[in-house]
Amino acid sequence: MIQSTLSKKSNNHNKRPQQKENNSNHNRYKRLACMGKISMGIMDEITGPIDAVNRFINLTLQIIEEDSRSREFLLESKVAIRKTSVLLKRLNNYAKKIEKEIREISTNGR
């Protein structure tokens, strides 16, 4: 009887740290999911203006003189915009991956 009572207390004591760890992990996953959503929102908001600037540069390059200093600047800008677009796509892919993992964890945890 005493041993049974001690065993129950020991089991309850062991569950508390496990519960805290589960809550901590759950909170981390929630923060990651939130960061993923924010990242996707940022990407959506920035993609439109970047695309518009890129189109404007392309139109300007069609009418500007070949040996113009402005043309060099526009071409450099176009390279920077391309790099930014690639970075945004990578961020979006990462955010989608996190969101998928969170969904799987949430589904398995229920």
N, C-alpha and C. Protein backbone atom coordinates (compact mmCIF):
# COMPACT_ATOMS: atom_id res chain seq x y z
N MET A 1 0.82 -1.18 0.00
CA MET A 1 0.00 0.00 0.00
C MET A 1 0.87 1.25 0.00
N ILE A 2 1.86 1.32 0.90
CA ILE A 2 2.75 2.48 0.96
C ILE A 2 3.55 2.58 -0.33
N GLN A 3 4.03 1.45 -0.80
CA GLN A 3 4.81 1.45 -2.03
C GLN A 3 3.94 1.91 -3.21
N SER A 4 2.69 1.50 -3.26
CA SER A 4 1.77 1.90 -4.31
C SER A 4 1.56 3.42 -4.29
N THR A 5 1.39 3.98 -3.10
CA THR A 5 1.21 5.42 -2.94
C THR A 5 2.45 6.17 -3.38
N LEU A 6 3.64 5.67 -3.00
CA LEU A 6 4.89 6.30 -3.41
C LEU A 6 5.07 6.22 -4.91
N SER A 7 4.69 5.10 -5.47
CA SER A 7 4.79 4.92 -6.91
C SER A 7 3.91 5.92 -7.65
N LYS A 8 2.67 6.15 -7.16
CA LYS A 8 1.76 7.11 -7.79
C LYS A 8 2.31 8.53 -7.70
N LYS A 9 2.85 8.89 -6.52
CA LYS A 9 3.43 10.22 -6.35
C LYS A 9 4.62 10.41 -7.28
N SER A 10 5.42 9.39 -7.40
CA SER A 10 6.60 9.46 -8.27
C SER A 10 6.18 9.65 -9.73
N ASN A 11 5.14 8.92 -10.15
CA ASN A 11 4.65 9.05 -11.52
C ASN A 11 4.09 10.44 -11.79
N ASN A 12 3.33 10.98 -10.83
CA ASN A 12 2.79 12.34 -10.98
C ASN A 12 3.91 13.37 -11.05
N HIS A 13 4.91 13.17 -10.23
CA HIS A 13 6.04 14.10 -10.21
C HIS A 13 6.78 14.07 -11.56
N ASN A 14 6.91 12.91 -12.15
CA ASN A 14 7.59 12.77 -13.43
C ASN A 14 6.78 13.38 -14.57
N LYS A 15 5.46 13.40 -14.45
CA LYS A 15 4.61 13.94 -15.51
C LYS A 15 4.70 15.46 -15.59
N ARG A 16 4.90 16.11 -14.46
CA ARG A 16 4.92 17.58 -14.45
C ARG A 16 6.03 18.15 -15.33
N PRO A 17 7.28 17.69 -15.21
CA PRO A 17 8.31 18.22 -16.11
C PRO A 17 8.00 17.91 -17.58
N GLN A 18 7.43 16.74 -17.82
CA GLN A 18 7.06 16.38 -19.19
C GLN A 18 5.98 17.31 -19.72
N GLN A 19 5.01 17.64 -18.86
CA GLN A 19 3.94 18.56 -19.25
C GLN A 19 4.50 19.94 -19.56
N LYS A 20 5.42 20.42 -18.71
CA LYS A 20 6.04 21.72 -18.94
C LYS A 20 6.81 21.72 -20.27
N GLU A 21 7.51 20.63 -20.54
CA GLU A 21 8.27 20.52 -21.78
C GLU A 21 7.33 20.52 -22.99
N ASN A 22 6.22 19.79 -22.89
CA ASN A 22 5.24 19.77 -23.97
C ASN A 22 4.65 21.16 -24.21
N ASN A 23 4.31 21.87 -23.12
CA ASN A 23 3.78 23.22 -23.25
C ASN A 23 4.81 24.15 -23.89
N SER A 24 6.06 23.99 -23.47
CA SER A 24 7.14 24.81 -24.02
C SER A 24 7.31 24.55 -25.52
N ASN A 25 7.29 23.28 -25.90
CA ASN A 25 7.39 22.91 -27.32
C ASN A 25 6.20 23.45 -28.11
N HIS A 26 5.02 23.34 -27.52
CA HIS A 26 3.82 23.83 -28.19
C HIS A 26 3.92 25.34 -28.41
N ASN A 27 4.40 26.06 -27.40
CA ASN A 27 4.57 27.51 -27.55
C ASN A 27 5.60 27.85 -28.62
N ARG A 28 6.67 27.07 -28.68
CA ARG A 28 7.67 27.29 -29.74
C ARG A 28 7.07 27.08 -31.11
N TYR A 29 6.28 26.02 -31.26
CA TYR A 29 5.64 25.74 -32.55
C TYR A 29 4.67 26.85 -32.92
N LYS A 30 3.94 27.36 -31.93
CA LYS A 30 3.01 28.46 -32.20
C LYS A 30 3.77 29.71 -32.66
N ARG A 31 4.91 29.99 -32.03
CA ARG A 31 5.71 31.15 -32.45
C ARG A 31 6.27 30.94 -33.85
N LEU A 32 6.72 29.73 -34.14
CA LEU A 32 7.22 29.44 -35.49
C LEU A 32 6.11 29.60 -36.53
N ALA A 33 4.94 29.13 -36.20
CA ALA A 33 3.81 29.26 -37.13
C ALA A 33 3.49 30.73 -37.35
N CYS A 34 3.53 31.50 -36.30
CA CYS A 34 3.27 32.94 -36.40
C CYS A 34 4.34 33.60 -37.27
N MET A 35 5.59 33.25 -37.07
CA MET A 35 6.67 33.81 -37.89
C MET A 35 6.50 33.43 -39.35
N GLY A 36 6.05 32.22 -39.60
CA GLY A 36 5.80 31.79 -40.97
C GLY A 36 4.72 32.63 -41.63
N LYS A 37 3.64 32.87 -40.89
CA LYS A 37 2.55 33.68 -41.43
C LYS A 37 3.00 35.12 -41.67
N ILE A 38 3.76 35.67 -40.73
CA ILE A 38 4.26 37.03 -40.90
C ILE A 38 5.19 37.09 -42.11
N SER A 39 6.06 36.11 -42.24
CA SER A 39 6.99 36.08 -43.38
C SER A 39 6.23 36.03 -44.70
N MET A 40 5.20 35.21 -44.75
CA MET A 40 4.42 35.11 -45.98
C MET A 40 3.70 36.43 -46.27
N GLY A 41 3.21 37.09 -45.23
CA GLY A 41 2.56 38.39 -45.41
C GLY A 41 3.52 39.44 -45.92
N ILE A 42 4.72 39.47 -45.33
CA ILE A 42 5.75 40.42 -45.79
C ILE A 42 6.08 40.16 -47.25
N MET A 43 6.26 38.90 -47.57
CA MET A 43 6.60 38.56 -48.95
C MET A 43 5.51 39.01 -49.92
N ASP A 44 4.25 38.78 -49.54
CA ASP A 44 3.14 39.19 -50.40
C ASP A 44 3.11 40.70 -50.59
N GLU A 45 3.37 41.45 -49.52
CA GLU A 45 3.33 42.90 -49.60
C GLU A 45 4.50 43.48 -50.41
N ILE A 46 5.65 42.86 -50.32
CA ILE A 46 6.84 43.39 -51.00
C ILE A 46 6.92 42.95 -52.46
N THR A 47 6.39 41.80 -52.76
CA THR A 47 6.50 41.26 -54.12
C THR A 47 5.87 42.18 -55.16
N GLY A 48 4.71 42.72 -54.88
CA GLY A 48 4.04 43.60 -55.84
C GLY A 48 4.86 44.82 -56.22
N PRO A 49 5.31 45.61 -55.25
CA PRO A 49 6.13 46.78 -55.59
C PRO A 49 7.44 46.42 -56.28
N ILE A 50 8.06 45.34 -55.86
CA ILE A 50 9.31 44.94 -56.51
C ILE A 50 9.06 44.57 -57.97
N ASP A 51 7.98 43.87 -58.22
CA ASP A 51 7.62 43.51 -59.59
C ASP A 51 7.34 44.77 -60.42
N ALA A 52 6.66 45.75 -59.83
CA ALA A 52 6.37 47.00 -60.53
C ALA A 52 7.65 47.76 -60.87
N VAL A 53 8.58 47.81 -59.93
CA VAL A 53 9.86 48.48 -60.19
C VAL A 53 10.62 47.76 -61.30
N ASN A 54 10.60 46.45 -61.26
CA ASN A 54 11.28 45.67 -62.29
C ASN A 54 10.68 45.94 -63.68
N ARG A 55 9.36 46.00 -63.75
CA ARG A 55 8.71 46.31 -65.03
C ARG A 55 9.06 47.71 -65.51
N PHE A 56 9.09 48.66 -64.59
CA PHE A 56 9.45 50.03 -64.95
C PHE A 56 10.88 50.10 -65.48
N ILE A 57 11.79 49.40 -64.83
CA ILE A 57 13.18 49.35 -65.31
C ILE A 57 13.24 48.77 -66.71
N ASN A 58 12.52 47.68 -66.94
CA ASN A 58 12.51 47.07 -68.28
C ASN A 58 12.00 48.04 -69.34
N LEU A 59 10.93 48.76 -69.03
CA LEU A 59 10.40 49.74 -69.98
C LEU A 59 11.41 50.86 -70.23
N THR A 60 12.04 51.33 -69.16
CA THR A 60 13.02 52.41 -69.29
C THR A 60 14.23 51.95 -70.10
N LEU A 61 14.66 50.73 -69.89
CA LEU A 61 15.81 50.21 -70.64
C LEU A 61 15.53 50.17 -72.14
N GLN A 62 14.28 50.01 -72.53
CA GLN A 62 13.93 49.97 -73.95
C GLN A 62 14.09 51.33 -74.63
N ILE A 63 13.96 52.42 -73.87
CA ILE A 63 14.00 53.74 -74.50
C ILE A 63 15.25 54.55 -74.17
N ILE A 64 16.06 54.08 -73.24
CA ILE A 64 17.25 54.84 -72.83
C ILE A 64 18.42 54.52 -73.75
N GLU A 65 19.32 55.47 -73.91
CA GLU A 65 20.48 55.30 -74.78
C GLU A 65 21.40 54.19 -74.26
N GLU A 66 22.01 53.49 -75.21
CA GLU A 66 22.87 52.35 -74.87
C GLU A 66 24.07 52.74 -74.00
N ASP A 67 24.68 53.87 -74.26
CA ASP A 67 25.90 54.25 -73.54
C ASP A 67 25.63 55.20 -72.37
N SER A 68 24.43 55.27 -71.93
CA SER A 68 24.04 56.18 -70.85
C SER A 68 24.49 55.66 -69.49
N ARG A 69 24.93 56.58 -68.64
CA ARG A 69 25.29 56.22 -67.26
C ARG A 69 24.05 55.74 -66.50
N SER A 70 22.91 56.31 -66.84
CA SER A 70 21.65 55.89 -66.22
C SER A 70 21.34 54.44 -66.54
N ARG A 71 21.69 54.02 -67.74
CA ARG A 71 21.45 52.62 -68.14
C ARG A 71 22.24 51.67 -67.24
N GLU A 72 23.49 52.03 -66.95
CA GLU A 72 24.31 51.19 -66.06
C GLU A 72 23.66 51.09 -64.69
N PHE A 73 23.17 52.22 -64.19
CA PHE A 73 22.51 52.23 -62.89
C PHE A 73 21.26 51.34 -62.91
N LEU A 74 20.49 51.44 -63.97
CA LEU A 74 19.27 50.63 -64.08
C LEU A 74 19.61 49.14 -64.15
N LEU A 75 20.66 48.79 -64.87
CA LEU A 75 21.05 47.38 -64.96
C LEU A 75 21.53 46.86 -63.60
N GLU A 76 22.26 47.69 -62.85
CA GLU A 76 22.68 47.29 -61.50
C GLU A 76 21.46 47.12 -60.59
N SER A 77 20.51 48.02 -60.74
CA SER A 77 19.28 47.94 -59.95
C SER A 77 18.51 46.66 -60.27
N LYS A 78 18.50 46.32 -61.54
CA LYS A 78 17.79 45.11 -61.98
C LYS A 78 18.40 43.86 -61.34
N VAL A 79 19.72 43.83 -61.25
CA VAL A 79 20.41 42.70 -60.60
C VAL A 79 20.03 42.64 -59.11
N ALA A 80 20.01 43.80 -58.45
CA ALA A 80 19.65 43.84 -57.03
C ALA A 80 18.21 43.38 -56.82
N ILE A 81 17.32 43.78 -57.71
CA ILE A 81 15.92 43.38 -57.61
C ILE A 81 15.78 41.87 -57.81
N ARG A 82 16.54 41.32 -58.73
CA ARG A 82 16.50 39.87 -58.97
C ARG A 82 16.96 39.12 -57.71
N LYS A 83 18.03 39.62 -57.07
CA LYS A 83 18.51 38.97 -55.84
C LYS A 83 17.46 39.05 -54.74
N THR A 84 16.81 40.20 -54.64
CA THR A 84 15.76 40.37 -53.62
C THR A 84 14.60 39.42 -53.89
N SER A 85 14.23 39.27 -55.15
CA SER A 85 13.14 38.36 -55.51
C SER A 85 13.48 36.92 -55.15
N VAL A 86 14.71 36.53 -55.41
CA VAL A 86 15.15 35.16 -55.06
C VAL A 86 15.09 34.97 -53.55
N LEU A 87 15.54 35.97 -52.80
CA LEU A 87 15.51 35.88 -51.34
C LEU A 87 14.07 35.76 -50.83
N LEU A 88 13.17 36.54 -51.41
CA LEU A 88 11.76 36.48 -51.00
C LEU A 88 11.15 35.12 -51.32
N LYS A 89 11.50 34.54 -52.45
CA LYS A 89 11.00 33.20 -52.79
C LYS A 89 11.50 32.17 -51.80
N ARG A 90 12.78 32.28 -51.41
CA ARG A 90 13.33 31.35 -50.43
C ARG A 90 12.63 31.50 -49.09
N LEU A 91 12.39 32.75 -48.70
CA LEU A 91 11.67 33.01 -47.44
C LEU A 91 10.27 32.43 -47.50
N ASN A 92 9.59 32.60 -48.61
CA ASN A 92 8.24 32.06 -48.77
C ASN A 92 8.25 30.53 -48.70
N ASN A 93 9.19 29.91 -49.37
CA ASN A 93 9.28 28.44 -49.32
C ASN A 93 9.55 27.95 -47.91
N TYR A 94 10.41 28.66 -47.19
CA TYR A 94 10.70 28.28 -45.81
C TYR A 94 9.47 28.43 -44.93
N ALA A 95 8.76 29.53 -45.11
CA ALA A 95 7.55 29.77 -44.32
C ALA A 95 6.50 28.69 -44.59
N LYS A 96 6.34 28.32 -45.85
CA LYS A 96 5.38 27.26 -46.19
C LYS A 96 5.79 25.93 -45.56
N LYS A 97 7.09 25.66 -45.53
CA LYS A 97 7.59 24.43 -44.93
C LYS A 97 7.28 24.41 -43.43
N ILE A 98 7.52 25.52 -42.77
CA ILE A 98 7.23 25.61 -41.33
C ILE A 98 5.74 25.41 -41.09
N GLU A 99 4.92 26.08 -41.91
CA GLU A 99 3.47 25.97 -41.75
C GLU A 99 3.01 24.52 -41.92
N LYS A 100 3.59 23.82 -42.88
CA LYS A 100 3.23 22.42 -43.11
C LYS A 100 3.63 21.56 -41.90
N GLU A 101 4.83 21.79 -41.38
CA GLU A 101 5.28 21.03 -40.21
C GLU A 101 4.39 21.29 -39.00
N ILE A 102 4.01 22.54 -38.80
CA ILE A 102 3.14 22.88 -37.68
C ILE A 102 1.79 22.18 -37.82
N ARG A 103 1.26 22.18 -39.04
CA ARG A 103 -0.02 21.51 -39.29
C ARG A 103 0.09 20.02 -38.97
N GLU A 104 1.20 19.39 -39.39
CA GLU A 104 1.39 17.97 -39.12
C GLU A 104 1.51 17.70 -37.62
N ILE A 105 2.24 18.56 -36.92
CA ILE A 105 2.41 18.40 -35.48
C ILE A 105 1.06 18.58 -34.77
N SER A 106 0.31 19.59 -35.20
CA SER A 106 -1.00 19.83 -34.59
C SER A 106 -1.95 18.67 -34.82
N THR A 107 -1.91 18.10 -36.00
CA THR A 107 -2.77 16.96 -36.34
C THR A 107 -2.38 15.73 -35.53
N ASN A 108 -1.07 15.49 -35.41
CA ASN A 108 -0.60 14.32 -34.67
C ASN A 108 -0.76 14.47 -33.17
N GLY A 109 -0.77 15.73 -32.69
CA GLY A 109 -0.87 15.96 -31.25
C GLY A 109 -2.29 15.87 -30.72
N ARG A 110 -3.26 15.84 -31.59
CA ARG A 110 -4.68 15.78 -31.15
C ARG A 110 -5.10 14.44 -30.76
